[in-house]
Amino acid sequence: MTLGRRLFELREKKGVPLQDVADAVSVSKAHIWELEKERKTNPSMALVTRLADYYRVSVSYLVGEDADAKDADAELAGMFRQASDLDETDRKIFKDMMQSLLKNLDD
């Protein structure tokens, strides 16, 4: 699901008009409408954060990176949770390995 679709569904579920959302996050009604209709697809992180706060959801959920989503790969999510226990040096090694593996996909 896209950011625009999530925004629309959250607004509908909350039962509020575009103007209320716009006022709450300090942007124009037109800007919220453009985001919902996916005519604008790259909002600032500050705006995404304000929208997430307004709807009381995580930024990760709003942008479609919910690790607990039904379509998330549970094995990968578990691997990354385990990686959070690594110290700084090991995290760098892990990051370098990931970049190397991803580079091989492009070759």
N, C-alpha and C. Protein backbone atom coordinates (compact mmCIF):
# COMPACT_ATOMS: atom_id res chain seq x y z
N MET A 1 0.85 -1.17 0.00
CA MET A 1 0.00 0.00 0.00
C MET A 1 0.90 1.24 0.00
N THR A 2 0.49 2.25 -0.73
CA THR A 2 1.28 3.47 -0.87
C THR A 2 1.03 4.45 0.28
N LEU A 3 1.94 5.41 0.40
CA LEU A 3 1.78 6.46 1.40
C LEU A 3 0.45 7.18 1.21
N GLY A 4 0.14 7.55 -0.02
CA GLY A 4 -1.11 8.26 -0.30
C GLY A 4 -2.33 7.46 0.13
N ARG A 5 -2.33 6.19 -0.18
CA ARG A 5 -3.46 5.33 0.19
C ARG A 5 -3.58 5.22 1.71
N ARG A 6 -2.44 5.07 2.39
CA ARG A 6 -2.47 5.00 3.86
C ARG A 6 -3.03 6.29 4.44
N LEU A 7 -2.57 7.43 3.92
CA LEU A 7 -3.05 8.72 4.42
C LEU A 7 -4.56 8.84 4.24
N PHE A 8 -5.03 8.46 3.06
CA PHE A 8 -6.46 8.52 2.78
C PHE A 8 -7.24 7.63 3.75
N GLU A 9 -6.79 6.38 3.90
CA GLU A 9 -7.50 5.45 4.77
C GLU A 9 -7.49 5.90 6.23
N LEU A 10 -6.36 6.43 6.68
CA LEU A 10 -6.29 6.92 8.06
C LEU A 10 -7.24 8.10 8.28
N ARG A 11 -7.29 8.98 7.30
CA ARG A 11 -8.17 10.14 7.42
C ARG A 11 -9.63 9.70 7.42
N GLU A 12 -9.98 8.80 6.53
CA GLU A 12 -11.35 8.29 6.47
C GLU A 12 -11.72 7.57 7.77
N LYS A 13 -10.81 6.76 8.28
CA LYS A 13 -11.08 6.03 9.53
C LYS A 13 -11.28 7.00 10.69
N LYS A 14 -10.51 8.08 10.69
CA LYS A 14 -10.63 9.07 11.75
C LYS A 14 -11.87 9.95 11.55
N GLY A 15 -12.35 9.98 10.31
CA GLY A 15 -13.56 10.75 10.01
C GLY A 15 -13.36 12.25 10.03
N VAL A 16 -12.22 12.69 9.54
CA VAL A 16 -11.93 14.13 9.54
C VAL A 16 -11.76 14.64 8.12
N PRO A 17 -12.11 15.90 7.89
CA PRO A 17 -11.93 16.48 6.56
C PRO A 17 -10.46 16.83 6.29
N LEU A 18 -10.15 16.99 5.03
CA LEU A 18 -8.79 17.38 4.62
C LEU A 18 -8.30 18.60 5.38
N GLN A 19 -9.17 19.59 5.56
CA GLN A 19 -8.75 20.84 6.19
C GLN A 19 -8.28 20.62 7.62
N ASP A 20 -8.94 19.73 8.35
CA ASP A 20 -8.52 19.44 9.73
C ASP A 20 -7.11 18.85 9.77
N VAL A 21 -6.85 17.92 8.86
CA VAL A 21 -5.52 17.32 8.79
C VAL A 21 -4.49 18.39 8.44
N ALA A 22 -4.81 19.18 7.41
CA ALA A 22 -3.89 20.23 6.97
C ALA A 22 -3.58 21.20 8.10
N ASP A 23 -4.60 21.63 8.81
CA ASP A 23 -4.39 22.56 9.93
C ASP A 23 -3.52 21.93 11.01
N ALA A 24 -3.76 20.65 11.29
CA ALA A 24 -3.03 19.96 12.36
C ALA A 24 -1.54 19.80 12.05
N VAL A 25 -1.21 19.68 10.76
CA VAL A 25 0.20 19.46 10.39
C VAL A 25 0.83 20.66 9.70
N SER A 26 0.10 21.77 9.68
CA SER A 26 0.61 23.06 9.17
C SER A 26 1.00 23.06 7.69
N VAL A 27 0.11 22.49 6.87
CA VAL A 27 0.26 22.58 5.42
C VAL A 27 -1.10 22.91 4.83
N SER A 28 -1.13 23.12 3.53
CA SER A 28 -2.40 23.46 2.90
C SER A 28 -3.26 22.20 2.69
N LYS A 29 -4.55 22.45 2.60
CA LYS A 29 -5.51 21.37 2.30
C LYS A 29 -5.14 20.74 0.95
N ALA A 30 -4.75 21.57 0.00
CA ALA A 30 -4.37 21.07 -1.33
C ALA A 30 -3.18 20.12 -1.24
N HIS A 31 -2.24 20.44 -0.36
CA HIS A 31 -1.05 19.59 -0.23
C HIS A 31 -1.42 18.20 0.29
N ILE A 32 -2.30 18.15 1.28
CA ILE A 32 -2.75 16.86 1.80
C ILE A 32 -3.49 16.09 0.70
N TRP A 33 -4.35 16.79 -0.04
CA TRP A 33 -5.08 16.15 -1.13
C TRP A 33 -4.11 15.59 -2.17
N GLU A 34 -3.08 16.36 -2.52
CA GLU A 34 -2.09 15.90 -3.51
C GLU A 34 -1.33 14.68 -3.01
N LEU A 35 -1.03 14.63 -1.72
CA LEU A 35 -0.37 13.45 -1.16
C LEU A 35 -1.28 12.24 -1.23
N GLU A 36 -2.54 12.42 -0.84
CA GLU A 36 -3.49 11.31 -0.87
C GLU A 36 -3.72 10.80 -2.29
N LYS A 37 -3.74 11.69 -3.25
CA LYS A 37 -3.97 11.31 -4.65
C LYS A 37 -2.69 10.92 -5.36
N GLU A 38 -1.57 10.95 -4.63
CA GLU A 38 -0.26 10.58 -5.14
C GLU A 38 0.21 11.47 -6.28
N ARG A 39 -0.21 12.71 -6.24
CA ARG A 39 0.29 13.69 -7.20
C ARG A 39 1.59 14.31 -6.68
N LYS A 40 1.77 14.22 -5.37
CA LYS A 40 3.04 14.56 -4.71
C LYS A 40 3.46 13.29 -3.99
N THR A 41 4.68 12.85 -4.24
CA THR A 41 5.08 11.56 -3.68
C THR A 41 6.33 11.62 -2.81
N ASN A 42 6.84 12.82 -2.57
CA ASN A 42 8.07 12.92 -1.81
C ASN A 42 7.97 14.00 -0.74
N PRO A 43 7.11 13.80 0.27
CA PRO A 43 6.97 14.82 1.31
C PRO A 43 8.22 14.87 2.19
N SER A 44 8.42 15.97 2.85
CA SER A 44 9.57 16.09 3.75
C SER A 44 9.42 15.13 4.92
N MET A 45 10.54 14.78 5.50
CA MET A 45 10.51 13.90 6.66
C MET A 45 9.77 14.57 7.82
N ALA A 46 9.93 15.88 7.93
CA ALA A 46 9.23 16.62 8.99
C ALA A 46 7.72 16.49 8.84
N LEU A 47 7.23 16.59 7.60
CA LEU A 47 5.79 16.46 7.37
C LEU A 47 5.33 15.03 7.64
N VAL A 48 6.09 14.05 7.19
CA VAL A 48 5.73 12.65 7.44
C VAL A 48 5.65 12.39 8.94
N THR A 49 6.58 12.95 9.69
CA THR A 49 6.59 12.79 11.15
C THR A 49 5.35 13.43 11.77
N ARG A 50 5.01 14.64 11.31
CA ARG A 50 3.82 15.31 11.84
C ARG A 50 2.55 14.51 11.51
N LEU A 51 2.49 13.97 10.30
CA LEU A 51 1.33 13.15 9.91
C LEU A 51 1.25 11.88 10.76
N ALA A 52 2.38 11.24 10.97
CA ALA A 52 2.39 10.03 11.81
C ALA A 52 1.94 10.37 13.23
N ASP A 53 2.41 11.48 13.76
CA ASP A 53 1.98 11.90 15.10
C ASP A 53 0.48 12.19 15.13
N TYR A 54 0.00 12.88 14.11
CA TYR A 54 -1.42 13.22 14.05
C TYR A 54 -2.29 11.96 14.03
N TYR A 55 -1.90 11.00 13.23
CA TYR A 55 -2.70 9.77 13.11
C TYR A 55 -2.34 8.72 14.17
N ARG A 56 -1.33 9.03 14.98
CA ARG A 56 -0.89 8.13 16.04
C ARG A 56 -0.45 6.77 15.49
N VAL A 57 0.37 6.85 14.44
CA VAL A 57 0.99 5.66 13.86
C VAL A 57 2.49 5.92 13.77
N SER A 58 3.25 4.89 13.52
CA SER A 58 4.69 5.07 13.36
C SER A 58 5.00 5.60 11.97
N VAL A 59 6.11 6.27 11.86
CA VAL A 59 6.59 6.71 10.55
C VAL A 59 6.81 5.49 9.66
N SER A 60 7.35 4.43 10.23
CA SER A 60 7.58 3.20 9.47
C SER A 60 6.29 2.68 8.85
N TYR A 61 5.22 2.67 9.62
CA TYR A 61 3.95 2.21 9.07
C TYR A 61 3.49 3.12 7.95
N LEU A 62 3.59 4.42 8.19
CA LEU A 62 3.09 5.38 7.22
C LEU A 62 3.78 5.25 5.87
N VAL A 63 5.08 4.99 5.88
CA VAL A 63 5.82 4.89 4.62
C VAL A 63 5.94 3.46 4.12
N GLY A 64 5.26 2.54 4.80
CA GLY A 64 5.22 1.17 4.29
C GLY A 64 6.39 0.30 4.70
N GLU A 65 7.04 0.63 5.79
CA GLU A 65 8.17 -0.17 6.25
C GLU A 65 7.86 -0.80 7.60
N ASP A 66 6.67 -1.32 7.76
CA ASP A 66 6.25 -1.93 9.01
C ASP A 66 6.79 -3.35 9.09
N ALA A 67 7.71 -3.57 9.99
CA ALA A 67 8.34 -4.89 10.13
C ALA A 67 7.33 -5.95 10.56
N ASP A 68 6.23 -5.54 11.15
CA ASP A 68 5.22 -6.49 11.61
C ASP A 68 4.09 -6.69 10.61
N ALA A 69 4.20 -6.08 9.44
CA ALA A 69 3.16 -6.21 8.43
C ALA A 69 3.05 -7.67 7.97
N LYS A 70 1.86 -8.05 7.52
CA LYS A 70 1.61 -9.42 7.09
C LYS A 70 2.54 -9.84 5.96
N ASP A 71 2.92 -8.88 5.10
CA ASP A 71 3.76 -9.23 3.97
C ASP A 71 5.25 -9.08 4.26
N ALA A 72 5.60 -8.76 5.49
CA ALA A 72 7.01 -8.62 5.85
C ALA A 72 7.65 -9.99 5.95
N ASP A 73 8.91 -10.07 5.61
CA ASP A 73 9.66 -11.32 5.70
C ASP A 73 10.12 -11.49 7.15
N ALA A 74 9.52 -12.42 7.85
CA ALA A 74 9.79 -12.61 9.27
C ALA A 74 11.25 -13.00 9.52
N GLU A 75 11.81 -13.80 8.64
CA GLU A 75 13.21 -14.21 8.81
C GLU A 75 14.14 -13.02 8.73
N LEU A 76 13.93 -12.16 7.73
CA LEU A 76 14.76 -10.96 7.61
C LEU A 76 14.57 -10.02 8.79
N ALA A 77 13.34 -9.85 9.23
CA ALA A 77 13.08 -8.99 10.38
C ALA A 77 13.83 -9.52 11.60
N GLY A 78 13.82 -10.82 11.79
CA GLY A 78 14.54 -11.42 12.91
C GLY A 78 16.04 -11.22 12.80
N MET A 79 16.56 -11.34 11.58
CA MET A 79 18.00 -11.12 11.38
C MET A 79 18.39 -9.69 11.75
N PHE A 80 17.58 -8.74 11.37
CA PHE A 80 17.91 -7.35 11.67
C PHE A 80 17.73 -7.03 13.15
N ARG A 81 16.77 -7.69 13.80
CA ARG A 81 16.66 -7.52 15.26
C ARG A 81 17.92 -8.05 15.94
N GLN A 82 18.42 -9.19 15.48
CA GLN A 82 19.65 -9.74 16.05
C GLN A 82 20.83 -8.82 15.78
N ALA A 83 20.86 -8.21 14.61
CA ALA A 83 21.96 -7.31 14.25
C ALA A 83 22.03 -6.10 15.17
N SER A 84 20.91 -5.75 15.78
CA SER A 84 20.91 -4.59 16.68
C SER A 84 21.76 -4.84 17.92
N ASP A 85 22.10 -6.10 18.19
CA ASP A 85 22.95 -6.43 19.34
C ASP A 85 24.44 -6.29 19.03
N LEU A 86 24.77 -6.08 17.76
CA LEU A 86 26.18 -5.98 17.37
C LEU A 86 26.80 -4.67 17.84
N ASP A 87 28.10 -4.72 18.11
CA ASP A 87 28.79 -3.48 18.46
C ASP A 87 29.08 -2.69 17.18
N GLU A 88 29.60 -1.50 17.33
CA GLU A 88 29.80 -0.59 16.19
C GLU A 88 30.68 -1.20 15.10
N THR A 89 31.76 -1.86 15.50
CA THR A 89 32.68 -2.46 14.53
C THR A 89 31.99 -3.57 13.73
N ASP A 90 31.26 -4.44 14.45
CA ASP A 90 30.57 -5.53 13.77
C ASP A 90 29.43 -5.02 12.89
N ARG A 91 28.77 -3.94 13.30
CA ARG A 91 27.73 -3.35 12.46
C ARG A 91 28.31 -2.85 11.14
N LYS A 92 29.51 -2.26 11.21
CA LYS A 92 30.15 -1.78 9.98
C LYS A 92 30.46 -2.97 9.06
N ILE A 93 30.96 -4.05 9.63
CA ILE A 93 31.25 -5.25 8.84
C ILE A 93 29.95 -5.77 8.20
N PHE A 94 28.90 -5.83 9.00
CA PHE A 94 27.60 -6.29 8.51
C PHE A 94 27.10 -5.41 7.37
N LYS A 95 27.21 -4.10 7.54
CA LYS A 95 26.78 -3.16 6.51
C LYS A 95 27.59 -3.35 5.23
N ASP A 96 28.91 -3.52 5.37
CA ASP A 96 29.77 -3.74 4.20
C ASP A 96 29.41 -5.03 3.48
N MET A 97 29.11 -6.07 4.25
CA MET A 97 28.70 -7.34 3.64
C MET A 97 27.40 -7.18 2.86
N MET A 98 26.44 -6.48 3.45
CA MET A 98 25.16 -6.25 2.77
C MET A 98 25.37 -5.49 1.47
N GLN A 99 26.18 -4.44 1.52
CA GLN A 99 26.43 -3.65 0.32
C GLN A 99 27.12 -4.49 -0.75
N SER A 100 28.02 -5.35 -0.34
CA SER A 100 28.70 -6.23 -1.29
C SER A 100 27.72 -7.21 -1.93
N LEU A 101 26.85 -7.80 -1.13
CA LEU A 101 25.86 -8.73 -1.67
C LEU A 101 24.90 -8.03 -2.63
N LEU A 102 24.45 -6.83 -2.25
CA LEU A 102 23.54 -6.09 -3.12
C LEU A 102 24.21 -5.67 -4.42
N LYS A 103 25.48 -5.33 -4.34
CA LYS A 103 26.24 -4.96 -5.55
C LYS A 103 26.31 -6.15 -6.50
N ASN A 104 26.50 -7.35 -5.94
CA ASN A 104 26.56 -8.55 -6.77
C ASN A 104 25.24 -8.81 -7.51
N LEU A 105 24.13 -8.37 -6.93
CA LEU A 105 22.84 -8.52 -7.60
C LEU A 105 22.75 -7.67 -8.85
N ASP A 106 23.42 -6.51 -8.81
CA ASP A 106 23.38 -5.59 -9.94
C ASP A 106 24.31 -6.01 -11.07
N ASP A 107 25.29 -6.84 -10.75
CA ASP A 107 26.28 -7.25 -11.76
C ASP A 107 25.77 -8.34 -12.65
